[in-house]
C-alpha atoms as a PDB file:
ATOM      1  CA  MET A   1    -144.680  66.566  61.925  1.00  0.00           C
ATOM      2  CA  PRO A   2    -141.049  65.886  60.887  1.00  0.00           C
ATOM      3  CA  GLU A   3    -140.074  62.288  60.226  1.00  0.00           C
ATOM      4  CA  PRO A   4    -138.303  60.408  63.029  1.00  0.00           C
ATOM      5  CA  ILE A   5    -134.606  60.035  62.243  1.00  0.00           C
ATOM      6  CA  ILE A   6    -132.314  57.063  62.359  1.00  0.00           C
ATOM      7  CA  ASP A   7    -128.753  58.339  62.164  1.00  0.00           C
ATOM      8  CA  ALA A   8    -127.155  55.574  60.130  1.00  0.00           C
ATOM      9  CA  HIS A   9    -123.576  56.827  60.410  1.00  0.00           C
ATOM     10  CA  HIS A  10    -121.992  58.382  63.452  1.00  0.00           C
ATOM     11  CA  HIS A  11    -118.949  57.894  65.632  1.00  0.00           C
ATOM     12  CA  ILE A  12    -118.029  58.136  69.298  1.00  0.00           C
ATOM     13  CA  TRP A  13    -114.506  57.704  70.546  1.00  0.00           C
ATOM     14  CA  ARG A  14    -111.900  57.759  73.239  1.00  0.00           C
ATOM     15  CA  LEU A  15    -108.804  59.599  72.156  1.00  0.00           C
ATOM     16  CA  HIS A  16    -106.375  57.039  73.584  1.00  0.00           C
ATOM     17  CA  ASP A  17    -107.805  54.355  71.261  1.00  0.00           C
ATOM     18  CA  LEU A  18    -107.095  56.375  68.118  1.00  0.00           C
ATOM     19  CA  PRO A  19    -103.451  56.642  67.077  1.00  0.00           C
ATOM     20  CA  TRP A  20    -104.437  58.694  64.023  1.00  0.00           C
ATOM     21  CA  LEU A  21    -105.860  61.374  66.353  1.00  0.00           C
ATOM     22  CA  ALA A  22    -103.588  60.981  69.346  1.00  0.00           C
ATOM     23  CA  GLY A  23    -100.342  61.078  67.373  1.00  0.00           C
ATOM     24  CA  PRO A  24     -98.746  64.068  65.644  1.00  0.00           C
ATOM     25  CA  PRO A  25    -101.183  65.838  63.303  1.00  0.00           C
ATOM     26  CA  VAL A  26    -100.856  64.840  59.643  1.00  0.00           C
ATOM     27  CA  PRO A  27    -102.795  66.193  56.633  1.00  0.00           C
ATOM     28  CA  ARG A  28    -106.208  64.548  56.276  1.00  0.00           C
ATOM     29  CA  ILE A  29    -109.082  64.547  53.853  1.00  0.00           C
ATOM     30  CA  PHE A  30    -111.267  66.666  56.167  1.00  0.00           C
ATOM     31  CA  GLY A  31    -108.684  69.389  56.794  1.00  0.00           C
ATOM     32  CA  ASP A  32    -107.602  70.822  60.137  1.00  0.00           C
ATOM     33  CA  TYR A  33    -108.908  68.417  62.778  1.00  0.00           C
ATOM     34  CA  GLN A  34    -107.523  69.939  65.960  1.00  0.00           C
ATOM     35  CA  ALA A  35    -111.062  70.237  67.337  1.00  0.00           C
ATOM     36  CA  LEU A  36    -111.473  66.444  67.088  1.00  0.00           C
ATOM     37  CA  ARG A  37    -108.405  65.651  69.183  1.00  0.00           C
ATOM     38  CA  ARG A  38    -110.433  64.932  72.294  1.00  0.00           C
ATOM     39  CA  ASP A  39    -112.890  62.338  73.577  1.00  0.00           C
ATOM     40  CA  TYR A  40    -116.290  62.409  71.887  1.00  0.00           C
ATOM     41  CA  PRO A  41    -118.515  60.523  74.355  1.00  0.00           C
ATOM     42  CA  ILE A  42    -121.977  59.079  73.906  1.00  0.00           C
ATOM     43  CA  ALA A  43    -123.501  61.674  76.239  1.00  0.00           C
ATOM     44  CA  GLU A  44    -122.360  64.526  74.009  1.00  0.00           C
ATOM     45  CA  TYR A  45    -123.620  62.771  70.902  1.00  0.00           C
ATOM     46  CA  LEU A  46    -126.998  62.061  72.504  1.00  0.00           C
ATOM     47  CA  ALA A  47    -127.468  65.651  73.597  1.00  0.00           C
ATOM     48  CA  GLU A  48    -127.154  66.733  69.972  1.00  0.00           C
ATOM     49  CA  ALA A  49    -128.973  63.801  68.388  1.00  0.00           C
ATOM     50  CA  VAL A  50    -132.122  63.799  70.488  1.00  0.00           C
ATOM     51  CA  ALA A  51    -132.499  67.547  69.977  1.00  0.00           C
ATOM     52  CA  VAL A  52    -132.906  67.072  66.215  1.00  0.00           C
ATOM     53  CA  GLY A  53    -135.320  64.142  66.400  1.00  0.00           C
ATOM     54  CA  VAL A  54    -133.020  61.126  66.265  1.00  0.00           C
ATOM     55  CA  VAL A  55    -134.752  58.031  67.680  1.00  0.00           C
ATOM     56  CA  LYS A  56    -132.120  55.414  66.825  1.00  0.00           C
ATOM     57  CA  SER A  57    -128.552  55.349  65.599  1.00  0.00           C
ATOM     58  CA  VAL A  58    -125.873  53.214  63.954  1.00  0.00           C
ATOM     59  CA  TYR A  59    -122.283  53.458  65.134  1.00  0.00           C
ATOM     60  CA  VAL A  60    -119.591  52.989  62.475  1.00  0.00           C
ATOM     61  CA  GLN A  61    -116.024  51.978  63.327  1.00  0.00           C
ATOM     62  CA  VAL A  62    -113.290  54.591  63.743  1.00  0.00           C
ATOM     63  CA  ASN A  63    -110.000  52.827  62.940  1.00  0.00           C
ATOM     64  CA  VAL A  64    -108.828  52.104  66.450  1.00  0.00           C
ATOM     65  CA  ALA A  65    -105.329  50.860  67.247  1.00  0.00           C
ATOM     66  CA  PRO A  66    -104.341  47.640  65.428  1.00  0.00           C
ATOM     67  CA  LYS A  67    -105.888  44.476  66.895  1.00  0.00           C
ATOM     68  CA  ALA A  68    -108.286  46.522  69.041  1.00  0.00           C
ATOM     69  CA  GLU A  69    -111.336  46.082  66.806  1.00  0.00           C
ATOM     70  CA  ILE A  70    -113.011  43.559  69.104  1.00  0.00           C
ATOM     71  CA  ASP A  71    -112.417  45.849  72.088  1.00  0.00           C
ATOM     72  CA  GLU A  72    -114.031  48.671  70.099  1.00  0.00           C
ATOM     73  CA  VAL A  73    -117.199  46.661  69.504  1.00  0.00           C
ATOM     74  CA  SER A  74    -117.266  45.547  73.131  1.00  0.00           C
ATOM     75  CA  TRP A  75    -116.925  49.126  74.401  1.00  0.00           C
ATOM     76  CA  VAL A  76    -119.673  50.440  72.106  1.00  0.00           C
ATOM     77  CA  GLN A  77    -121.959  47.570  73.129  1.00  0.00           C
ATOM     78  CA  SER A  78    -121.380  48.453  76.788  1.00  0.00           C
ATOM     79  CA  LEU A  79    -122.501  52.009  76.082  1.00  0.00           C
ATOM     80  CA  ALA A  80    -125.567  50.744  74.219  1.00  0.00           C
ATOM     81  CA  ASP A  81    -126.437  48.539  77.169  1.00  0.00           C
ATOM     82  CA  ARG A  82    -126.252  51.528  79.528  1.00  0.00           C
ATOM     83  CA  HIS A  83    -127.671  54.323  77.377  1.00  0.00           C
ATOM     84  CA  GLY A  84    -129.896  52.592  74.808  1.00  0.00           C
ATOM     85  CA  PHE A  85    -127.766  54.111  72.005  1.00  0.00           C
ATOM     86  CA  PRO A  86    -126.436  53.149  69.540  1.00  0.00           C
ATOM     87  CA  HIS A  87    -128.871  50.502  68.328  1.00  0.00           C
ATOM     88  CA  ALA A  88    -126.538  48.924  65.778  1.00  0.00           C
ATOM     89  CA  ILE A  89    -122.779  48.624  65.412  1.00  0.00           C
ATOM     90  CA  VAL A  90    -120.689  48.418  62.265  1.00  0.00           C
ATOM     91  CA  GLY A  91    -117.337  47.077  63.379  1.00  0.00           C
ATOM     92  CA  TYR A  92    -114.015  46.648  61.647  1.00  0.00           C
ATOM     93  CA  ALA A  93    -112.444  43.477  60.293  1.00  0.00           C
ATOM     94  CA  ASP A  94    -109.517  42.988  57.944  1.00  0.00           C
ATOM     95  CA  LEU A  95    -111.173  40.672  55.463  1.00  0.00           C
ATOM     96  CA  SER A  96    -107.849  39.451  54.092  1.00  0.00           C
ATOM     97  CA  ALA A  97    -106.592  38.316  57.508  1.00  0.00           C
ATOM     98  CA  PRO A  98    -106.335  34.542  58.026  1.00  0.00           C
ATOM     99  CA  ASP A  99    -108.229  34.827  61.323  1.00  0.00           C
ATOM    100  CA  VAL A 100    -111.082  36.960  59.969  1.00  0.00           C
ATOM    101  CA  ALA A 101    -113.695  34.288  60.757  1.00  0.00           C
ATOM    102  CA  ASP A 102    -112.655  34.279  64.412  1.00  0.00           C
ATOM    103  CA  THR A 103    -112.707  38.086  64.529  1.00  0.00           C
ATOM    104  CA  LEU A 104    -116.230  38.191  63.108  1.00  0.00           C
ATOM    105  CA  ASP A 105    -117.467  35.532  65.515  1.00  0.00           C
ATOM    106  CA  ARG A 106    -116.012  37.385  68.499  1.00  0.00           C
ATOM    107  CA  GLU A 107    -117.624  40.609  67.329  1.00  0.00           C
ATOM    108  CA  LEU A 108    -120.923  38.799  66.762  1.00  0.00           C
ATOM    109  CA  ALA A 109    -120.947  37.872  70.433  1.00  0.00           C
ATOM    110  CA  HIS A 110    -122.167  41.458  70.923  1.00  0.00           C
ATOM    111  CA  ALA A 111    -125.896  41.839  70.352  1.00  0.00           C
ATOM    112  CA  ASN A 112    -125.826  45.064  68.345  1.00  0.00           C
ATOM    113  CA  LEU A 113    -123.307  44.064  65.678  1.00  0.00           C
ATOM    114  CA  ARG A 114    -124.912  44.323  62.247  1.00  0.00           C
ATOM    115  CA  GLY A 115    -122.092  44.808  59.780  1.00  0.00           C
ATOM    116  CA  VAL A 116    -118.451  45.563  59.105  1.00  0.00           C
ATOM    117  CA  ARG A 117    -116.528  48.278  57.342  1.00  0.00           C
ATOM    118  CA  GLN A 118    -113.068  48.071  55.863  1.00  0.00           C
ATOM    119  CA  GLN A 119    -112.322  51.260  53.976  1.00  0.00           C
ATOM    120  CA  LEU A 120    -111.285  50.495  50.410  1.00  0.00           C
ATOM    121  CA  HIS A 121    -111.102  53.990  48.970  1.00  0.00           C
ATOM    122  CA  TRP A 122    -108.005  54.751  46.950  1.00  0.00           C
ATOM    123  CA  HIS A 123    -107.294  57.929  45.025  1.00  0.00           C
ATOM    124  CA  GLU A 124    -104.461  59.140  42.843  1.00  0.00           C
ATOM    125  CA  LYS A 125    -104.269  62.135  45.174  1.00  0.00           C
ATOM    126  CA  ALA A 126    -102.401  60.916  48.255  1.00  0.00           C
ATOM    127  CA  LEU A 127    -104.414  63.123  50.633  1.00  0.00           C
ATOM    128  CA  TYR A 128    -107.619  61.274  49.670  1.00  0.00           C
ATOM    129  CA  ARG A 129    -106.075  57.812  49.755  1.00  0.00           C
ATOM    130  CA  PHE A 130    -106.786  55.223  52.450  1.00  0.00           C
ATOM    131  CA  ALA A 131    -106.307  51.748  50.979  1.00  0.00           C
ATOM    132  CA  SER A 132    -102.851  50.704  49.817  1.00  0.00           C
ATOM    133  CA  ARG A 133    -104.120  49.894  46.304  1.00  0.00           C
ATOM    134  CA  PRO A 134    -107.298  50.581  44.315  1.00  0.00           C
ATOM    135  CA  ASP A 135    -108.268  46.969  43.605  1.00  0.00           C
ATOM    136  CA  ARG A 136    -107.955  45.273  46.961  1.00  0.00           C
ATOM    137  CA  MET A 137    -111.556  44.083  46.649  1.00  0.00           C
ATOM    138  CA  ASN A 138    -110.447  41.807  43.802  1.00  0.00           C
ATOM    139  CA  ASP A 139    -107.941  39.819  45.887  1.00  0.00           C
ATOM    140  CA  PRO A 140    -109.032  36.192  46.351  1.00  0.00           C
ATOM    141  CA  ALA A 141    -107.990  36.270  50.029  1.00  0.00           C
ATOM    142  CA  TRP A 142    -110.002  39.443  50.653  1.00  0.00           C
ATOM    143  CA  ARG A 143    -113.027  37.992  48.866  1.00  0.00           C
ATOM    144  CA  ALA A 144    -112.750  34.861  50.984  1.00  0.00           C
ATOM    145  CA  GLY A 145    -113.124  37.151  53.996  1.00  0.00           C
ATOM    146  CA  LEU A 146    -116.187  38.776  52.461  1.00  0.00           C
ATOM    147  CA  ARG A 147    -117.663  35.306  52.066  1.00  0.00           C
ATOM    148  CA  GLU A 148    -117.328  34.950  55.848  1.00  0.00           C
ATOM    149  CA  VAL A 149    -119.258  38.205  56.194  1.00  0.00           C
ATOM    150  CA  GLU A 150    -121.942  36.882  53.858  1.00  0.00           C
ATOM    151  CA  THR A 151    -122.379  33.557  55.641  1.00  0.00           C
ATOM    152  CA  ARG A 152    -122.938  35.412  58.934  1.00  0.00           C
ATOM    153  CA  GLY A 153    -125.659  37.635  57.504  1.00  0.00           C
ATOM    154  CA  LEU A 154    -123.697  40.847  58.046  1.00  0.00           C
ATOM    155  CA  SER A 155    -123.759  43.943  55.861  1.00  0.00           C
ATOM    156  CA  PHE A 156    -120.644  45.575  54.419  1.00  0.00           C
ATOM    157  CA  ASP A 157    -120.157  49.342  54.452  1.00  0.00           C
ATOM    158  CA  LEU A 158    -118.531  50.033  51.080  1.00  0.00           C
ATOM    159  CA  GLN A 159    -116.290  53.101  50.784  1.00  0.00           C
ATOM    160  CA  VAL A 160    -114.936  53.747  47.280  1.00  0.00           C
ATOM    161  CA  PHE A 161    -114.333  56.539  44.800  1.00  0.00           C
ATOM    162  CA  ALA A 162    -115.840  56.749  41.311  1.00  0.00           C
ATOM    163  CA  SER A 163    -112.738  55.188  39.748  1.00  0.00           C
ATOM    164  CA  GLN A 164    -113.375  52.028  41.790  1.00  0.00           C
ATOM    165  CA  MET A 165    -117.107  51.728  41.220  1.00  0.00           C
ATOM    166  CA  ASP A 166    -116.962  49.287  38.304  1.00  0.00           C
ATOM    167  CA  ASP A 167    -115.005  46.855  40.475  1.00  0.00           C
ATOM    168  CA  ALA A 168    -117.404  47.544  43.348  1.00  0.00           C
ATOM    169  CA  ALA A 169    -120.421  46.770  41.165  1.00  0.00           C
ATOM    170  CA  ALA A 170    -118.806  43.508  40.091  1.00  0.00           C
ATOM    171  CA  LEU A 171    -118.232  42.714  43.765  1.00  0.00           C
ATOM    172  CA  ALA A 172    -121.891  43.355  44.559  1.00  0.00           C
ATOM    173  CA  ARG A 173    -122.964  41.079  41.722  1.00  0.00           C
ATOM    174  CA  ASP A 174    -120.625  38.324  42.899  1.00  0.00           C
ATOM    175  CA  PHE A 175    -121.935  38.514  46.487  1.00  0.00           C
ATOM    176  CA  PRO A 176    -125.711  38.874  46.148  1.00  0.00           C
ATOM    177  CA  GLY A 177    -126.228  37.758  49.745  1.00  0.00           C
ATOM    178  CA  VAL A 178    -124.391  40.798  51.130  1.00  0.00           C
ATOM    179  CA  THR A 179    -126.097  44.157  51.543  1.00  0.00           C
ATOM    180  CA  PHE A 180    -123.521  46.764  50.552  1.00  0.00           C
ATOM    181  CA  VAL A 181    -123.992  50.187  52.137  1.00  0.00           C
ATOM    182  CA  LEU A 182    -122.284  52.735  49.907  1.00  0.00           C
ATOM    183  CA  GLN A 183    -120.623  55.357  52.076  1.00  0.00           C
ATOM    184  CA  HIS A 184    -121.161  59.071  51.571  1.00  0.00           C
ATOM    185  CA  ALA A 185    -123.127  58.748  48.297  1.00  0.00           C
ATOM    186  CA  GLY A 186    -120.030  57.622  46.451  1.00  0.00           C
ATOM    187  CA  MET A 187    -117.655  60.318  47.709  1.00  0.00           C
ATOM    188  CA  LEU A 188    -117.907  62.837  44.862  1.00  0.00           C
ATOM    189  CA  GLU A 189    -114.571  64.608  45.120  1.00  0.00           C
ATOM    190  CA  ASP A 190    -114.292  66.102  41.612  1.00  0.00           C
ATOM    191  CA  ARG A 191    -117.042  68.521  40.616  1.00  0.00           C
ATOM    192  CA  SER A 192    -115.659  69.238  37.153  1.00  0.00           C
ATOM    193  CA  PRO A 193    -117.835  68.049  34.238  1.00  0.00           C
ATOM    194  CA  ASP A 194    -115.601  65.001  33.822  1.00  0.00           C
ATOM    195  CA  GLY A 195    -115.720  64.293  37.552  1.00  0.00           C
ATOM    196  CA  TRP A 196    -119.510  64.445  37.638  1.00  0.00           C
ATOM    197  CA  ALA A 197    -119.705  62.177  34.584  1.00  0.00           C
ATOM    198  CA  ARG A 198    -117.428  59.539  36.162  1.00  0.00           C
ATOM    199  CA  TRP A 199    -119.410  59.643  39.404  1.00  0.00           C
ATOM    200  CA  ARG A 200    -122.743  59.327  37.564  1.00  0.00           C
ATOM    201  CA  ARG A 201    -121.545  56.347  35.529  1.00  0.00           C
ATOM    202  CA  GLY A 202    -120.230  54.588  38.621  1.00  0.00           C
ATOM    203  CA  MET A 203    -123.322  55.333  40.674  1.00  0.00           C
ATOM    204  CA  ALA A 204    -125.558  53.998  37.892  1.00  0.00           C
ATOM    205  CA  ALA A 205    -123.532  50.767  37.850  1.00  0.00           C
ATOM    206  CA  LEU A 206    -123.931  50.379  41.612  1.00  0.00           C
ATOM    207  CA  ALA A 207    -127.613  51.311  41.547  1.00  0.00           C
ATOM    208  CA  ALA A 208    -128.171  48.484  39.040  1.00  0.00           C
ATOM    209  CA  CYS A 209    -127.213  46.048  41.831  1.00  0.00           C
ATOM    210  CA  PRO A 210    -130.291  45.511  44.036  1.00  0.00           C
ATOM    211  CA  ASN A 211    -128.142  44.657  47.076  1.00  0.00           C
ATOM    212  CA  VAL A 212    -126.487  48.111  47.157  1.00  0.00           C
ATOM    213  CA  VAL A 213    -127.971  50.992  49.150  1.00  0.00           C
ATOM    214  CA  SER A 214    -126.523  54.477  49.383  1.00  0.00           C
ATOM    215  CA  LYS A 215    -125.857  56.447  52.525  1.00  0.00           C
ATOM    216  CA  LEU A 216    -126.502  60.200  52.279  1.00  0.00           C
ATOM    217  CA  SER A 217    -123.695  61.248  54.604  1.00  0.00           C
ATOM    218  CA  GLY A 218    -120.311  62.934  54.599  1.00  0.00           C
ATOM    219  CA  LEU A 219    -121.392  65.310  51.857  1.00  0.00           C
ATOM    220  CA  GLY A 220    -119.210  68.154  53.129  1.00  0.00           C
ATOM    221  CA  THR A 221    -116.006  66.119  53.261  1.00  0.00           C
ATOM    222  CA  PHE A 222    -114.165  67.670  50.333  1.00  0.00           C
ATOM    223  CA  GLU A 223    -115.487  71.235  50.450  1.00  0.00           C
ATOM    224  CA  HIS A 224    -115.774  71.422  54.263  1.00  0.00           C
ATOM    225  CA  GLN A 225    -119.237  72.966  53.961  1.00  0.00           C
ATOM    226  CA  CYS A 226    -122.843  72.156  54.707  1.00  0.00           C
ATOM    227  CA  ALA A 227    -124.949  73.987  52.134  1.00  0.00           C
ATOM    228  CA  VAL A 228    -128.058  73.221  50.112  1.00  0.00           C
ATOM    229  CA  ALA A 229    -126.466  74.353  46.843  1.00  0.00           C
ATOM    230  CA  LEU A 230    -123.555  71.967  47.412  1.00  0.00           C
ATOM    231  CA  TRP A 231    -125.490  68.960  48.714  1.00  0.00           C
ATOM    232  CA  ARG A 232    -128.735  69.030  46.736  1.00  0.00           C
ATOM    233  CA  PRO A 233    -127.391  67.869  43.347  1.00  0.00           C
ATOM    234  CA  VAL A 234    -125.683  64.835  44.918  1.00  0.00           C
ATOM    235  CA  ILE A 235    -128.720  63.958  47.023  1.00  0.00           C
ATOM    236  CA  GLU A 236    -131.273  64.382  44.242  1.00  0.00           C
ATOM    237  CA  GLU A 237    -129.258  62.372  41.725  1.00  0.00           C
ATOM    238  CA  THR A 238    -128.538  59.617  44.240  1.00  0.00           C
ATOM    239  CA  VAL A 239    -132.195  59.305  45.189  1.00  0.00           C
ATOM    240  CA  ALA A 240    -133.200  59.300  41.517  1.00  0.00           C
ATOM    241  CA  LEU A 241    -130.771  56.437  40.818  1.00  0.00           C
ATOM    242  CA  PHE A 242    -131.342  54.272  43.887  1.00  0.00           C
ATOM    243  CA  GLY A 243    -134.855  55.240  44.926  1.00  0.00           C
ATOM    244  CA  ALA A 244    -135.760  56.373  48.423  1.00  0.00           C
ATOM    245  CA  ALA A 245    -136.127  52.779  49.634  1.00  0.00           C
ATOM    246  CA  ARG A 246    -132.406  52.289  48.989  1.00  0.00           C
ATOM    247  CA  CYS A 247    -131.138  55.564  50.489  1.00  0.00           C
ATOM    248  CA  LEU A 248    -130.492  56.352  54.152  1.00  0.00           C
ATOM    249  CA  PHE A 249    -129.359  59.347  56.167  1.00  0.00           C
ATOM    250  CA  GLY A 250    -126.181  59.576  58.224  1.00  0.00           C
ATOM    251  CA  SER A 251    -124.777  62.539  60.125  1.00  0.00           C
ATOM    252  CA  ASN A 252    -121.078  61.563  60.034  1.00  0.00           C
ATOM    253  CA  LEU A 253    -120.709  63.212  63.421  1.00  0.00           C
ATOM    254  CA  PRO A 254    -118.421  64.384  64.888  1.00  0.00           C
ATOM    255  CA  ILE A 255    -116.381  64.862  61.693  1.00  0.00           C
ATOM    256  CA  GLU A 256    -118.972  67.247  60.233  1.00  0.00           C
ATOM    257  CA  LYS A 257    -118.759  69.368  63.376  1.00  0.00           C
ATOM    258  CA  LEU A 258    -115.506  70.733  61.984  1.00  0.00           C
ATOM    259  CA  TRP A 259    -117.590  72.966  59.712  1.00  0.00           C
ATOM    260  CA  THR A 260    -121.234  72.755  60.776  1.00  0.00           C
ATOM    261  CA  THR A 261    -123.720  71.615  63.411  1.00  0.00           C
ATOM    262  CA  TYR A 262    -126.042  68.621  63.720  1.00  0.00           C
ATOM    263  CA  ALA A 263    -129.082  70.896  63.491  1.00  0.00           C
ATOM    264  CA  ARG A 264    -127.737  72.439  60.292  1.00  0.00           C
ATOM    265  CA  ILE A 265    -127.069  69.001  58.746  1.00  0.00           C
ATOM    266  CA  VAL A 266    -130.650  67.911  59.359  1.00  0.00           C
ATOM    267  CA  ALA A 267    -132.095  71.216  58.150  1.00  0.00           C
ATOM    268  CA  VAL A 268    -130.065  71.117  54.931  1.00  0.00           C
ATOM    269  CA  MET A 269    -130.971  67.474  54.342  1.00  0.00           C
ATOM    270  CA  ARG A 270    -134.674  68.237  54.795  1.00  0.00           C
ATOM    271  CA  GLU A 271    -134.474  71.132  52.342  1.00  0.00           C
ATOM    272  CA  CYS A 272    -132.643  68.970  49.809  1.00  0.00           C
ATOM    273  CA  LEU A 273    -135.418  66.348  50.103  1.00  0.00           C
ATOM    274  CA  ALA A 274    -138.281  68.837  49.949  1.00  0.00           C
ATOM    275  CA  ALA A 275    -139.439  67.557  46.548  1.00  0.00           C
ATOM    276  CA  CYS A 276    -139.796  64.002  47.867  1.00  0.00           C
ATOM    277  CA  THR A 277    -143.104  62.610  49.081  1.00  0.00           C
ATOM    278  CA  PRO A 278    -143.638  62.108  52.824  1.00  0.00           C
ATOM    279  CA  ALA A 279    -143.213  58.349  52.333  1.00  0.00           C
ATOM    280  CA  GLU A 280    -139.912  58.888  50.528  1.00  0.00           C
ATOM    281  CA  ARG A 281    -138.604  61.186  53.246  1.00  0.00           C
ATOM    282  CA  ARG A 282    -139.681  58.660  55.887  1.00  0.00           C
ATOM    283  CA  ALA A 283    -137.737  55.961  54.024  1.00  0.00           C
ATOM    284  CA  ILE A 284    -134.561  58.030  53.784  1.00  0.00           C
ATOM    285  CA  PHE A 285    -134.638  59.330  57.343  1.00  0.00           C
ATOM    286  CA  HIS A 286    -135.840  56.148  59.013  1.00  0.00           C
ATOM    287  CA  ASP A 287    -137.198  53.085  57.234  1.00  0.00           C
ATOM    288  CA  THR A 288    -134.271  52.126  55.003  1.00  0.00           C
ATOM    289  CA  ALA A 289    -131.826  52.172  57.896  1.00  0.00           C
ATOM    290  CA  ALA A 290    -134.252  50.190  60.067  1.00  0.00           C
ATOM    291  CA  ARG A 291    -134.447  47.500  57.392  1.00  0.00           C
ATOM    292  CA  VAL A 292    -130.761  47.386  56.439  1.00  0.00           C
ATOM    293  CA  TYR A 293    -129.480  47.324  60.004  1.00  0.00           C
ATOM    294  CA  ARG A 294    -132.344  45.145  61.289  1.00  0.00           C
ATOM    295  CA  LEU A 295    -133.542  47.552  63.985  1.00  0.00           C
ATOM    296  CA  ALA A 296    -136.602  47.007  66.136  1.00  0.00           C
ATOM    297  CA  PRO A 297    -139.617  49.200  65.283  1.00  0.00           C
ATOM    298  CA  SER A 298    -139.391  52.768  66.587  1.00  0.00           C
END
């Protein structure tokens, strides 16, 4: 029988909350996104998720309009209260903001909040760039905000490229009380020999930090494909570095729907993990996410 799935990375949204979708189209890392310029409600997500064996899920923030991050968490919590999904919420907070402690406390008033994400990824290629600078994680003010995350027992979803991984590993060492959830298996964007080598070095540095886990998600972002030949090398090397107990599955829906389906994502992931033991597959599909996001037993 296939392992039960916890989808540790998905989104739902209302178009009017998202200026980056509702405004004029601009080039983005995942290509033409016209199909995403609509509401993606919880009912649609559930119809797809339950069909592939998902028993629990983790919602990850979607960069709503400025100052609306608390409203985002509140809205997602209201859906969880009505539908039973999602079971955990990763909200947004600007960790360098002077009022970050208040923001975190107001988000923590919602039962399902488990962590925060502030996207730190910076790339020399402007299309891949999100943060304003590559080393924001080194700012004392930003680190003071991360200390607020740590004292509240929240996780931090870490989104960086290979060029930032040495700084990210230093961050993980400096904040041993934070569980860092590496997004999209380190976002391998350069598949040249040099690109693979930089990614491997950075991933090894992060894997050496016991408080870092890796999310196997978003693996089609740069090629806009869902294929075993494309995904398997990243998945196998990530699992070899981190171990199954520190890897977790995420669908990255609905972004991945631009080039594939939920059923295809799960099928490809299962094929890529075929060499793992049943216990390892159970960890990646279910147990790691349950532990990291503190979910009740399925």
